[in-house]
Amino acid sequence: MRFDYPAEYSDAFGRESVRLTSDGAVLRLELRGFAFEGSSFDVLWPVAVEAGEAAFNLHQGCLVDFALEFEVPMPIDRHGGSELCLLFVRVEVTQESEVVSLRLQLDDLYYASSGRTGGFEDELLSLMRVLPPGVRLRSCFTCAYSDYSPSGGHMFGGMTCYRDNREAYLQVRTKHDYLTLGGGLPTHELWLCGEFEPRVPGTGYRG
């Protein structure tokens, strides 16, 4: 399965419509005739070395000094049923910092994250705090079987899915438990598979 999002890319060289794709672990961006891939927006590497000679800013080999805006069809749980909303995402990546802004359209209202952090984890938590009671996002981020590494990660992704080792994962309570756990697959916050189960507070390493 692959997600395919129309997106707007802008940098010092201009603004253009692009396609952003994801297989749940790797992002791919087609830009000015070149492909960039990576697990996070702050580590998008050119697939071809010739991209370094084109109109991009690269820092340590990664794409920087750009903004990317796209919309994600976001399933939510509400009133005992599921429905689809739009999540508006804006990311900004420079050599010095990253910014993430999220807005969820629910009926005729918009609910926004703080926009003050550089990571999807904190911004999704911020967004969830302002949603109406009974509304829950439905993605890997809110799934019972996903977790983050204790060593941290990038602004996006860095999650591991343990649906194939769920019984052992649900017994995790400490850092040692988590570090000795195997059987995980890389995933990211906005992904969703057919084995989603709502996360219960206190589950796994991240709680």
Protein backbone atom coordinates (compact mmCIF):
# COMPACT_ATOMS: atom_id res chain seq x y z
CA MET A 1 0.00 0.00 0.00
CA ARG A 2 1.17 3.53 -0.75
CA PHE A 3 -0.16 6.98 0.11
CA ASP A 4 0.06 9.67 -2.56
CA TYR A 5 -0.47 13.32 -1.61
CA PRO A 6 -0.50 16.40 -3.84
CA ALA A 7 1.73 19.00 -2.17
CA GLU A 8 3.04 22.54 -2.58
CA TYR A 9 6.79 22.96 -2.33
CA SER A 10 8.53 26.32 -1.98
CA ASP A 11 12.10 27.52 -1.51
CA ALA A 12 14.35 30.35 -2.65
CA PHE A 13 14.17 29.05 -6.23
CA GLY A 14 10.37 29.16 -6.50
CA ARG A 15 7.11 27.42 -5.69
CA GLU A 16 5.59 24.42 -7.46
CA SER A 17 3.07 21.62 -7.16
CA VAL A 18 4.65 18.23 -6.45
CA ARG A 19 3.70 14.68 -5.42
CA LEU A 20 4.59 13.32 -2.00
CA THR A 21 4.34 9.54 -1.59
CA SER A 22 4.81 7.23 1.36
CA ASP A 23 4.83 3.47 1.90
CA GLY A 24 4.56 3.92 5.66
CA ALA A 25 8.31 3.98 6.22
CA VAL A 26 9.92 5.93 3.36
CA LEU A 27 8.88 9.32 1.99
CA ARG A 28 9.50 10.15 -1.66
CA LEU A 29 9.31 13.57 -3.27
CA GLU A 30 9.57 14.22 -7.00
CA LEU A 31 10.98 17.71 -7.44
CA ARG A 32 12.28 19.50 -10.54
CA GLY A 33 12.95 16.23 -12.30
CA PHE A 34 14.75 14.62 -9.36
CA ALA A 35 13.62 12.18 -6.69
CA PHE A 36 14.32 12.63 -2.99
CA GLU A 37 13.80 9.86 -0.43
CA GLY A 38 14.07 9.51 3.32
CA SER A 39 12.37 8.43 6.52
CA SER A 40 11.66 12.02 7.60
CA PHE A 41 11.23 15.48 6.10
CA ASP A 42 14.57 16.59 7.55
CA VAL A 43 16.48 13.70 5.99
CA LEU A 44 15.37 13.72 2.35
CA TRP A 45 18.31 12.54 0.24
CA PRO A 46 18.60 12.94 -3.54
CA VAL A 47 18.38 9.55 -5.26
CA ALA A 48 20.68 10.74 -8.06
CA VAL A 49 23.95 12.54 -7.35
CA GLU A 50 23.20 14.95 -10.19
CA ALA A 51 20.57 16.61 -8.00
CA GLY A 52 23.37 18.35 -6.14
CA GLU A 53 24.03 20.40 -9.28
CA ALA A 54 20.38 21.49 -9.68
CA ALA A 55 18.39 24.28 -8.02
CA PHE A 56 18.21 22.98 -4.45
CA ASN A 57 19.82 23.77 -1.14
CA LEU A 58 21.51 20.74 0.40
CA HIS A 59 23.14 20.48 3.82
CA GLN A 60 25.19 17.39 4.60
CA GLY A 61 23.55 15.83 1.57
CA CYS A 62 19.93 16.48 2.68
CA LEU A 63 17.34 18.88 1.29
CA VAL A 64 17.03 22.06 3.42
CA ASP A 65 15.64 25.61 3.31
CA PHE A 66 12.21 24.66 2.06
CA ALA A 67 8.56 24.54 3.06
CA LEU A 68 6.12 21.80 2.14
CA GLU A 69 2.32 21.90 2.48
CA PHE A 70 -0.04 18.99 1.91
CA GLU A 71 -3.38 17.53 3.00
CA VAL A 72 -3.85 14.10 4.57
CA PRO A 73 -7.24 12.34 4.67
CA MET A 74 -7.33 11.62 8.40
CA PRO A 75 -9.76 9.04 9.82
CA ILE A 76 -11.20 9.93 13.20
CA ASP A 77 -13.42 8.18 15.72
CA ARG A 78 -16.42 10.22 16.87
CA HIS A 79 -19.75 9.35 18.48
CA GLY A 80 -19.02 5.65 18.27
CA GLY A 81 -18.33 5.70 14.52
CA SER A 82 -15.52 6.51 12.10
CA GLU A 83 -15.37 9.31 9.56
CA LEU A 84 -12.81 11.04 7.37
CA CYS A 85 -11.48 14.56 7.93
CA LEU A 86 -8.71 16.60 6.36
CA LEU A 87 -5.43 17.23 8.17
CA PHE A 88 -3.50 20.20 6.77
CA VAL A 89 0.24 19.84 7.25
CA ARG A 90 3.00 22.40 6.84
CA VAL A 91 6.65 21.60 7.47
CA GLU A 92 9.59 23.98 7.26
CA VAL A 93 13.17 22.72 7.23
CA THR A 94 16.26 24.91 7.42
CA GLN A 95 19.86 24.17 8.32
CA GLU A 96 19.19 25.35 11.87
CA SER A 97 15.63 24.27 12.71
CA GLU A 98 12.40 22.50 11.80
CA VAL A 99 8.80 23.67 12.24
CA VAL A 100 5.63 21.58 12.05
CA SER A 101 2.11 23.04 11.89
CA LEU A 102 -1.05 20.91 11.84
CA ARG A 103 -4.71 21.89 11.33
CA LEU A 104 -7.60 19.45 11.39
CA GLN A 105 -10.85 20.41 9.67
CA LEU A 106 -13.80 19.04 11.60
CA ASP A 107 -17.18 20.04 10.21
CA ASP A 108 -16.83 23.82 9.65
CA LEU A 109 -14.17 24.38 12.31
CA TYR A 110 -10.38 24.11 12.32
CA TYR A 111 -8.33 22.81 15.24
CA ALA A 112 -4.64 23.71 15.19
CA SER A 113 -1.52 22.43 16.90
CA SER A 114 0.78 24.84 18.69
CA GLY A 115 3.25 25.15 15.80
CA ARG A 116 5.98 25.80 18.36
CA THR A 117 7.85 22.50 18.14
CA GLY A 118 9.80 20.84 15.39
CA GLY A 119 8.31 17.36 15.63
CA PHE A 120 5.14 15.53 14.69
CA GLU A 121 4.98 13.78 18.06
CA ASP A 122 4.63 17.00 20.05
CA GLU A 123 2.42 18.70 17.47
CA LEU A 124 0.01 15.76 17.31
CA LEU A 125 -0.21 15.74 21.11
CA SER A 126 -0.87 19.49 20.98
CA LEU A 127 -3.59 19.01 18.38
CA MET A 128 -5.25 16.21 20.32
CA ARG A 129 -5.49 18.41 23.41
CA VAL A 130 -7.71 20.95 21.60
CA LEU A 131 -10.05 18.48 19.87
CA PRO A 132 -13.64 18.23 21.14
CA PRO A 133 -14.37 15.50 23.71
CA GLY A 134 -14.91 12.11 22.12
CA VAL A 135 -12.90 12.86 18.97
CA ARG A 136 -9.86 10.67 18.42
CA LEU A 137 -7.35 10.52 15.57
CA ARG A 138 -6.99 7.15 13.91
CA SER A 139 -3.39 6.53 12.82
CA CYS A 140 -0.18 4.80 13.87
CA PHE A 141 0.39 7.59 16.37
CA THR A 142 -2.72 6.64 18.34
CA CYS A 143 -2.41 2.88 17.81
CA ALA A 144 -1.89 0.42 20.66
CA TYR A 145 1.02 -1.28 18.90
CA SER A 146 3.36 1.60 17.97
CA ASP A 147 6.19 3.24 19.92
CA TYR A 148 9.22 5.51 19.68
CA SER A 149 12.83 4.60 20.29
CA PRO A 150 14.27 5.78 23.65
CA SER A 151 17.14 7.33 21.68
CA GLY A 152 14.80 9.79 19.94
CA GLY A 153 14.51 10.43 16.23
CA HIS A 154 13.81 12.93 13.49
CA MET A 155 10.95 15.38 13.13
CA PHE A 156 8.79 12.72 11.45
CA GLY A 157 8.65 8.96 11.58
CA GLY A 158 11.01 7.06 13.83
CA MET A 159 8.15 4.93 15.10
CA THR A 160 8.12 1.14 15.25
CA CYS A 161 5.02 -0.99 14.78
CA TYR A 162 4.73 -4.17 16.86
CA ARG A 163 1.50 -5.59 15.45
CA ASP A 164 3.37 -8.80 14.59
CA ASN A 165 4.66 -9.06 18.17
CA ARG A 166 1.77 -7.41 19.94
CA GLU A 167 1.49 -9.71 22.95
CA ALA A 168 5.12 -9.10 23.97
CA TYR A 169 4.86 -5.38 23.27
CA LEU A 170 1.79 -4.94 25.46
CA GLN A 171 3.84 -6.32 28.38
CA VAL A 172 6.52 -3.62 28.03
CA ARG A 173 6.81 -1.37 31.08
CA THR A 174 10.47 -0.26 31.25
CA LYS A 175 13.22 0.94 28.94
CA HIS A 176 14.97 -2.41 29.34
CA ASP A 177 11.78 -4.24 28.32
CA TYR A 178 11.56 -2.13 25.22
CA LEU A 179 15.22 -2.43 24.20
CA THR A 180 15.06 -6.23 24.38
CA LEU A 181 11.84 -6.37 22.35
CA GLY A 182 12.08 -7.56 18.75
CA GLY A 183 9.77 -8.09 15.84
CA GLY A 184 9.07 -4.44 14.97
CA LEU A 185 8.57 -2.70 11.62
CA PRO A 186 9.32 0.97 10.83
CA THR A 187 6.31 3.24 10.43
CA HIS A 188 5.33 6.89 10.77
CA GLU A 189 2.73 8.89 12.65
CA LEU A 190 0.22 9.44 9.83
CA TRP A 191 0.17 5.86 8.53
CA LEU A 192 -2.78 3.54 9.15
CA CYS A 193 -3.19 -0.18 8.54
CA GLY A 194 -6.12 -2.54 8.92
CA GLU A 195 -4.93 -3.81 12.31
CA PHE A 196 -5.33 -0.52 14.16
CA GLU A 197 -6.40 -0.71 17.79
CA PRO A 198 -6.96 2.41 19.94
CA ARG A 199 -4.11 3.11 22.31
CA VAL A 200 -4.79 2.87 26.05
CA PRO A 201 -2.84 5.28 28.31
CA GLY A 202 0.06 3.51 30.02
CA THR A 203 0.73 1.14 27.11
CA GLY A 204 4.29 0.26 26.14
CA TYR A 205 7.41 2.35 26.63
CA ARG A 206 5.92 5.73 25.69
CA GLY A 207 2.84 5.24 27.84
